[in-house]
ModelCIF file with pLDDT and N, C-alpha, C, O atoms, coordinates in Angstrom:
data_MODEL
#
_entry.id   MODEL 
#
_entity.id                         1 
_entity.type                       polymer 
_entity.pdbx_number_of_molecules   1 
#
_entity_poly.entity_id                      1 
_entity_poly.type                           'polypeptide(L)' 
_entity_poly.nstd_linkage                   no 
_entity_poly.nstd_monomer                   no 
_entity_poly.pdbx_seq_one_letter_code       
;(UNK)(UNK)(UNK)(UNK)(UNK)(UNK)(UNK)(UNK)(UNK)(UNK)(UNK)(UNK)(UNK)(UNK)(UNK)(UNK)
(UNK)(UNK)(UNK)(UNK)(UNK)(UNK)(UNK)(UNK)(UNK)(UNK)(UNK)(UNK)(UNK)
;
_entity_poly.pdbx_seq_one_letter_code_can   XXXXXXXXXXXXXXXXXXXXXXXXXXXXX 
_entity_poly.pdbx_strand_id                 A 
#
loop_
_entity_poly_seq.entity_id 
_entity_poly_seq.num 
_entity_poly_seq.mon_id 
_entity_poly_seq.hetero 
1 1  UNK n 
1 2  UNK n 
1 3  UNK n 
1 4  UNK n 
1 5  UNK n 
1 6  UNK n 
1 7  UNK n 
1 8  UNK n 
1 9  UNK n 
1 10 UNK n 
1 11 UNK n 
1 12 UNK n 
1 13 UNK n 
1 14 UNK n 
1 15 UNK n 
1 16 UNK n 
1 17 UNK n 
1 18 UNK n 
1 19 UNK n 
1 20 UNK n 
1 21 UNK n 
1 22 UNK n 
1 23 UNK n 
1 24 UNK n 
1 25 UNK n 
1 26 UNK n 
1 27 UNK n 
1 28 UNK n 
1 29 UNK n 
#
_struct_asym.id          A 
_struct_asym.entity_id   1 
#
loop_
_ma_qa_metric.id 
_ma_qa_metric.mode 
_ma_qa_metric.name 
_ma_qa_metric.software_group_id 
_ma_qa_metric.type 
1 global pLDDT . pLDDT 
2 local  pLDDT . pLDDT 
#
_ma_qa_metric_global.metric_id      1 
_ma_qa_metric_global.metric_value   96.10 
_ma_qa_metric_global.model_id       1 
_ma_qa_metric_global.ordinal_id     1 
#
loop_
_ma_qa_metric_local.label_asym_id 
_ma_qa_metric_local.label_comp_id 
_ma_qa_metric_local.label_seq_id 
_ma_qa_metric_local.metric_id 
_ma_qa_metric_local.metric_value 
_ma_qa_metric_local.model_id 
_ma_qa_metric_local.ordinal_id 
A UNK 1  2 97.00 1 1  
A UNK 2  2 98.00 1 2  
A UNK 3  2 94.00 1 3  
A UNK 4  2 96.00 1 4  
A UNK 5  2 97.00 1 5  
A UNK 6  2 97.00 1 6  
A UNK 7  2 96.00 1 7  
A UNK 8  2 97.00 1 8  
A UNK 9  2 97.00 1 9  
A UNK 10 2 97.00 1 10 
A UNK 11 2 97.00 1 11 
A UNK 12 2 98.00 1 12 
A UNK 13 2 98.00 1 13 
A UNK 14 2 97.00 1 14 
A UNK 15 2 97.00 1 15 
A UNK 16 2 97.00 1 16 
A UNK 17 2 96.00 1 17 
A UNK 18 2 96.00 1 18 
A UNK 19 2 96.00 1 19 
A UNK 20 2 96.00 1 20 
A UNK 21 2 93.00 1 21 
A UNK 22 2 95.00 1 22 
A UNK 23 2 93.00 1 23 
A UNK 24 2 93.00 1 24 
A UNK 25 2 94.00 1 25 
A UNK 26 2 94.00 1 26 
A UNK 27 2 96.00 1 27 
A UNK 28 2 97.00 1 28 
A UNK 29 2 98.00 1 29 
#
loop_
_atom_site.group_PDB 
_atom_site.id 
_atom_site.type_symbol 
_atom_site.label_atom_id 
_atom_site.label_alt_id 
_atom_site.label_comp_id 
_atom_site.label_asym_id 
_atom_site.label_entity_id 
_atom_site.label_seq_id 
_atom_site.pdbx_PDB_ins_code 
_atom_site.Cartn_x 
_atom_site.Cartn_y 
_atom_site.Cartn_z 
_atom_site.occupancy 
_atom_site.B_iso_or_equiv 
_atom_site.pdbx_formal_charge 
_atom_site.auth_seq_id 
_atom_site.auth_comp_id 
_atom_site.auth_asym_id 
_atom_site.auth_atom_id 
_atom_site.pdbx_PDB_model_num 
ATOM 1   N N  . UNK A 1 1  ? -3.890 50.678 23.239 1.00 97.00 ? 1  UNK A N  1 
ATOM 2   C CA . UNK A 1 1  ? -4.224 49.773 22.030 1.00 97.00 ? 1  UNK A CA 1 
ATOM 3   C C  . UNK A 1 1  ? -3.486 48.427 22.088 1.00 97.00 ? 1  UNK A C  1 
ATOM 4   O O  . UNK A 1 1  ? -3.153 47.835 21.062 1.00 97.00 ? 1  UNK A O  1 
ATOM 5   N N  . UNK A 1 2  ? -3.245 47.969 23.309 1.00 98.00 ? 2  UNK A N  1 
ATOM 6   C CA . UNK A 1 2  ? -2.720 46.655 23.547 1.00 98.00 ? 2  UNK A CA 1 
ATOM 7   C C  . UNK A 1 2  ? -3.846 45.781 24.052 1.00 98.00 ? 2  UNK A C  1 
ATOM 8   O O  . UNK A 1 2  ? -4.371 46.012 25.141 1.00 98.00 ? 2  UNK A O  1 
ATOM 9   N N  . UNK A 1 3  ? -4.225 44.773 23.270 1.00 94.00 ? 3  UNK A N  1 
ATOM 10  C CA . UNK A 1 3  ? -5.295 44.026 23.698 1.00 94.00 ? 3  UNK A CA 1 
ATOM 11  C C  . UNK A 1 3  ? -4.802 42.711 24.492 1.00 94.00 ? 3  UNK A C  1 
ATOM 12  O O  . UNK A 1 3  ? -5.610 42.040 25.134 1.00 94.00 ? 3  UNK A O  1 
ATOM 13  N N  . UNK A 1 4  ? -3.609 42.420 24.427 1.00 96.00 ? 4  UNK A N  1 
ATOM 14  C CA . UNK A 1 4  ? -3.078 41.094 24.969 1.00 96.00 ? 4  UNK A CA 1 
ATOM 15  C C  . UNK A 1 4  ? -1.631 41.262 25.298 1.00 96.00 ? 4  UNK A C  1 
ATOM 16  O O  . UNK A 1 4  ? -0.873 41.916 24.582 1.00 96.00 ? 4  UNK A O  1 
ATOM 17  N N  . UNK A 1 5  ? -1.255 40.644 26.425 1.00 97.00 ? 5  UNK A N  1 
ATOM 18  C CA . UNK A 1 5  ? 0.152  40.575 26.712 1.00 97.00 ? 5  UNK A CA 1 
ATOM 19  C C  . UNK A 1 5  ? 0.505  39.079 27.228 1.00 97.00 ? 5  UNK A C  1 
ATOM 20  O O  . UNK A 1 5  ? -0.147 38.511 28.105 1.00 97.00 ? 5  UNK A O  1 
ATOM 21  N N  . UNK A 1 6  ? 1.543  38.559 26.615 1.00 97.00 ? 6  UNK A N  1 
ATOM 22  C CA . UNK A 1 6  ? 1.931  37.190 27.042 1.00 97.00 ? 6  UNK A CA 1 
ATOM 23  C C  . UNK A 1 6  ? 3.214  37.325 27.973 1.00 97.00 ? 6  UNK A C  1 
ATOM 24  O O  . UNK A 1 6  ? 3.717  38.398 28.305 1.00 97.00 ? 6  UNK A O  1 
ATOM 25  N N  . UNK A 1 7  ? 3.627  36.161 28.312 1.00 96.00 ? 7  UNK A N  1 
ATOM 26  C CA . UNK A 1 7  ? 4.774  36.152 29.268 1.00 96.00 ? 7  UNK A CA 1 
ATOM 27  C C  . UNK A 1 7  ? 6.063  36.791 28.645 1.00 96.00 ? 7  UNK A C  1 
ATOM 28  O O  . UNK A 1 7  ? 6.869  37.381 29.365 1.00 96.00 ? 7  UNK A O  1 
ATOM 29  N N  . UNK A 1 8  ? 6.246  36.658 27.264 1.00 97.00 ? 8  UNK A N  1 
ATOM 30  C CA . UNK A 1 8  ? 7.374  37.188 26.644 1.00 97.00 ? 8  UNK A CA 1 
ATOM 31  C C  . UNK A 1 8  ? 7.291  38.692 26.625 1.00 97.00 ? 8  UNK A C  1 
ATOM 32  O O  . UNK A 1 8  ? 8.332  39.349 26.617 1.00 97.00 ? 8  UNK A O  1 
ATOM 33  N N  . UNK A 1 9  ? 6.026  39.313 26.617 1.00 97.00 ? 9  UNK A N  1 
ATOM 34  C CA . UNK A 1 9  ? 5.814  40.816 26.845 1.00 97.00 ? 9  UNK A CA 1 
ATOM 35  C C  . UNK A 1 9  ? 6.235  41.221 28.239 1.00 97.00 ? 9  UNK A C  1 
ATOM 36  O O  . UNK A 1 9  ? 6.852  42.263 28.460 1.00 97.00 ? 9  UNK A O  1 
ATOM 37  N N  . UNK A 1 10 ? 5.875  40.352 29.173 1.00 97.00 ? 10 UNK A N  1 
ATOM 38  C CA . UNK A 1 10 ? 6.179  40.686 30.572 1.00 97.00 ? 10 UNK A CA 1 
ATOM 39  C C  . UNK A 1 10 ? 7.663  40.662 30.834 1.00 97.00 ? 10 UNK A C  1 
ATOM 40  O O  . UNK A 1 10 ? 8.162  41.456 31.632 1.00 97.00 ? 10 UNK A O  1 
ATOM 41  N N  . UNK A 1 11 ? 8.386  39.763 30.176 1.00 97.00 ? 11 UNK A N  1 
ATOM 42  C CA . UNK A 1 11 ? 9.834  39.737 30.254 1.00 97.00 ? 11 UNK A CA 1 
ATOM 43  C C  . UNK A 1 11 ? 10.408 40.969 29.731 1.00 97.00 ? 11 UNK A C  1 
ATOM 44  O O  . UNK A 1 11 ? 11.358 41.497 30.309 1.00 97.00 ? 11 UNK A O  1 
ATOM 45  N N  . UNK A 1 12 ? 9.882  41.473 28.651 1.00 98.00 ? 12 UNK A N  1 
ATOM 46  C CA . UNK A 1 12 ? 10.419 42.717 28.101 1.00 98.00 ? 12 UNK A CA 1 
ATOM 47  C C  . UNK A 1 12 ? 10.175 43.923 29.016 1.00 98.00 ? 12 UNK A C  1 
ATOM 48  O O  . UNK A 1 12 ? 11.030 44.804 29.101 1.00 98.00 ? 12 UNK A O  1 
ATOM 49  N N  . UNK A 1 13 ? 8.992  43.982 29.721 1.00 98.00 ? 13 UNK A N  1 
ATOM 50  C CA . UNK A 1 13 ? 8.717  44.994 30.625 1.00 98.00 ? 13 UNK A CA 1 
ATOM 51  C C  . UNK A 1 13 ? 9.690  44.918 31.883 1.00 98.00 ? 13 UNK A C  1 
ATOM 52  O O  . UNK A 1 13 ? 10.155 45.927 32.412 1.00 98.00 ? 13 UNK A O  1 
ATOM 53  N N  . UNK A 1 14 ? 9.938  43.681 32.288 1.00 97.00 ? 14 UNK A N  1 
ATOM 54  C CA . UNK A 1 14 ? 10.823 43.549 33.452 1.00 97.00 ? 14 UNK A CA 1 
ATOM 55  C C  . UNK A 1 14 ? 12.294 43.960 33.119 1.00 97.00 ? 14 UNK A C  1 
ATOM 56  O O  . UNK A 1 14 ? 12.996 44.583 33.917 1.00 97.00 ? 14 UNK A O  1 
ATOM 57  N N  . UNK A 1 15 ? 12.679 43.589 31.960 1.00 97.00 ? 15 UNK A N  1 
ATOM 58  C CA . UNK A 1 15 ? 14.065 43.896 31.541 1.00 97.00 ? 15 UNK A CA 1 
ATOM 59  C C  . UNK A 1 15 ? 14.172 45.404 31.395 1.00 97.00 ? 15 UNK A C  1 
ATOM 60  O O  . UNK A 1 15 ? 15.134 46.003 31.875 1.00 97.00 ? 15 UNK A O  1 
ATOM 61  N N  . UNK A 1 16 ? 13.273 45.978 30.788 1.00 97.00 ? 16 UNK A N  1 
ATOM 62  C CA . UNK A 1 16 ? 13.222 47.513 30.521 1.00 97.00 ? 16 UNK A CA 1 
ATOM 63  C C  . UNK A 1 16 ? 13.129 48.135 31.907 1.00 97.00 ? 16 UNK A C  1 
ATOM 64  O O  . UNK A 1 16 ? 13.847 49.116 32.101 1.00 97.00 ? 16 UNK A O  1 
ATOM 65  N N  . UNK A 1 17 ? 12.389 47.730 32.853 1.00 96.00 ? 17 UNK A N  1 
ATOM 66  C CA . UNK A 1 17 ? 12.207 48.391 34.181 1.00 96.00 ? 17 UNK A CA 1 
ATOM 67  C C  . UNK A 1 17 ? 13.578 48.271 34.963 1.00 96.00 ? 17 UNK A C  1 
ATOM 68  O O  . UNK A 1 17 ? 14.016 49.204 35.636 1.00 96.00 ? 17 UNK A O  1 
ATOM 69  N N  . UNK A 1 18 ? 14.223 47.060 34.827 1.00 96.00 ? 18 UNK A N  1 
ATOM 70  C CA . UNK A 1 18 ? 15.508 46.920 35.552 1.00 96.00 ? 18 UNK A CA 1 
ATOM 71  C C  . UNK A 1 18 ? 16.599 47.800 34.984 1.00 96.00 ? 18 UNK A C  1 
ATOM 72  O O  . UNK A 1 18 ? 17.375 48.388 35.737 1.00 96.00 ? 18 UNK A O  1 
ATOM 73  N N  . UNK A 1 19 ? 16.673 47.903 33.647 1.00 96.00 ? 19 UNK A N  1 
ATOM 74  C CA . UNK A 1 19 ? 17.698 48.740 32.996 1.00 96.00 ? 19 UNK A CA 1 
ATOM 75  C C  . UNK A 1 19 ? 17.413 50.141 33.401 1.00 96.00 ? 19 UNK A C  1 
ATOM 76  O O  . UNK A 1 19 ? 18.333 50.852 33.807 1.00 96.00 ? 19 UNK A O  1 
ATOM 77  N N  . UNK A 1 20 ? 16.158 50.594 33.313 1.00 96.00 ? 20 UNK A N  1 
ATOM 78  C CA . UNK A 1 20 ? 15.857 52.026 33.598 1.00 96.00 ? 20 UNK A CA 1 
ATOM 79  C C  . UNK A 1 20 ? 16.240 52.291 35.120 1.00 96.00 ? 20 UNK A C  1 
ATOM 80  O O  . UNK A 1 20 ? 16.796 53.349 35.414 1.00 96.00 ? 20 UNK A O  1 
ATOM 81  N N  . UNK A 1 21 ? 15.964 51.395 36.033 1.00 93.00 ? 21 UNK A N  1 
ATOM 82  C CA . UNK A 1 21 ? 16.278 51.592 37.413 1.00 93.00 ? 21 UNK A CA 1 
ATOM 83  C C  . UNK A 1 21 ? 17.798 51.773 37.511 1.00 93.00 ? 21 UNK A C  1 
ATOM 84  O O  . UNK A 1 21 ? 18.276 52.734 38.114 1.00 93.00 ? 21 UNK A O  1 
ATOM 85  N N  . UNK A 1 22 ? 18.569 50.822 36.903 1.00 95.00 ? 22 UNK A N  1 
ATOM 86  C CA . UNK A 1 22 ? 19.981 50.882 36.929 1.00 95.00 ? 22 UNK A CA 1 
ATOM 87  C C  . UNK A 1 22 ? 20.555 52.183 36.440 1.00 95.00 ? 22 UNK A C  1 
ATOM 88  O O  . UNK A 1 22 ? 21.590 52.642 36.923 1.00 95.00 ? 22 UNK A O  1 
ATOM 89  N N  . UNK A 1 23 ? 19.925 52.736 35.546 1.00 93.00 ? 23 UNK A N  1 
ATOM 90  C CA . UNK A 1 23 ? 20.422 54.001 34.887 1.00 93.00 ? 23 UNK A CA 1 
ATOM 91  C C  . UNK A 1 23 ? 19.729 55.240 35.450 1.00 93.00 ? 23 UNK A C  1 
ATOM 92  O O  . UNK A 1 23 ? 19.808 56.314 34.853 1.00 93.00 ? 23 UNK A O  1 
ATOM 93  N N  . UNK A 1 24 ? 19.027 55.101 36.631 1.00 93.00 ? 24 UNK A N  1 
ATOM 94  C CA . UNK A 1 24 ? 18.475 56.225 37.304 1.00 93.00 ? 24 UNK A CA 1 
ATOM 95  C C  . UNK A 1 24 ? 17.221 56.725 36.645 1.00 93.00 ? 24 UNK A C  1 
ATOM 96  O O  . UNK A 1 24 ? 16.792 57.843 36.934 1.00 93.00 ? 24 UNK A O  1 
ATOM 97  N N  . UNK A 1 25 ? 16.601 55.940 35.759 1.00 94.00 ? 25 UNK A N  1 
ATOM 98  C CA . UNK A 1 25 ? 15.348 56.304 35.147 1.00 94.00 ? 25 UNK A CA 1 
ATOM 99  C C  . UNK A 1 25 ? 14.084 55.658 35.824 1.00 94.00 ? 25 UNK A C  1 
ATOM 100 O O  . UNK A 1 25 ? 14.171 55.010 36.867 1.00 94.00 ? 25 UNK A O  1 
ATOM 101 N N  . UNK A 1 26 ? 12.999 55.862 35.211 1.00 94.00 ? 26 UNK A N  1 
ATOM 102 C CA . UNK A 1 26 ? 11.678 55.417 35.627 1.00 94.00 ? 26 UNK A CA 1 
ATOM 103 C C  . UNK A 1 26 ? 10.872 54.923 34.527 1.00 94.00 ? 26 UNK A C  1 
ATOM 104 O O  . UNK A 1 26 ? 10.923 55.454 33.418 1.00 94.00 ? 26 UNK A O  1 
ATOM 105 N N  . UNK A 1 27 ? 10.095 53.879 34.801 1.00 96.00 ? 27 UNK A N  1 
ATOM 106 C CA . UNK A 1 27 ? 9.170  53.305 33.834 1.00 96.00 ? 27 UNK A CA 1 
ATOM 107 C C  . UNK A 1 27 ? 7.750  53.455 34.468 1.00 96.00 ? 27 UNK A C  1 
ATOM 108 O O  . UNK A 1 27 ? 7.567  53.221 35.663 1.00 96.00 ? 27 UNK A O  1 
ATOM 109 N N  . UNK A 1 28 ? 6.819  53.828 33.681 1.00 97.00 ? 28 UNK A N  1 
ATOM 110 C CA . UNK A 1 28 ? 5.410  53.882 34.103 1.00 97.00 ? 28 UNK A CA 1 
ATOM 111 C C  . UNK A 1 28 ? 4.561  53.226 32.952 1.00 97.00 ? 28 UNK A C  1 
ATOM 112 O O  . UNK A 1 28 ? 4.963  53.256 31.789 1.00 97.00 ? 28 UNK A O  1 
ATOM 113 N N  . UNK A 1 29 ? 3.470  52.680 33.284 1.00 98.00 ? 29 UNK A N  1 
ATOM 114 C CA . UNK A 1 29 ? 2.427  52.141 32.277 1.00 98.00 ? 29 UNK A CA 1 
ATOM 115 C C  . UNK A 1 29 ? 1.225  52.865 32.516 1.00 98.00 ? 29 UNK A C  1 
ATOM 116 O O  . UNK A 1 29 ? 0.220  52.632 31.845 1.00 98.00 ? 29 UNK A O  1 
#
């Protein structure tokens, strides 16, 4: 149900993925 993503949304995804990787987790979309 996400119709649009802007660069600010991409930044959130990148930050989340980096933190998850650091903590031994995983992110999937």
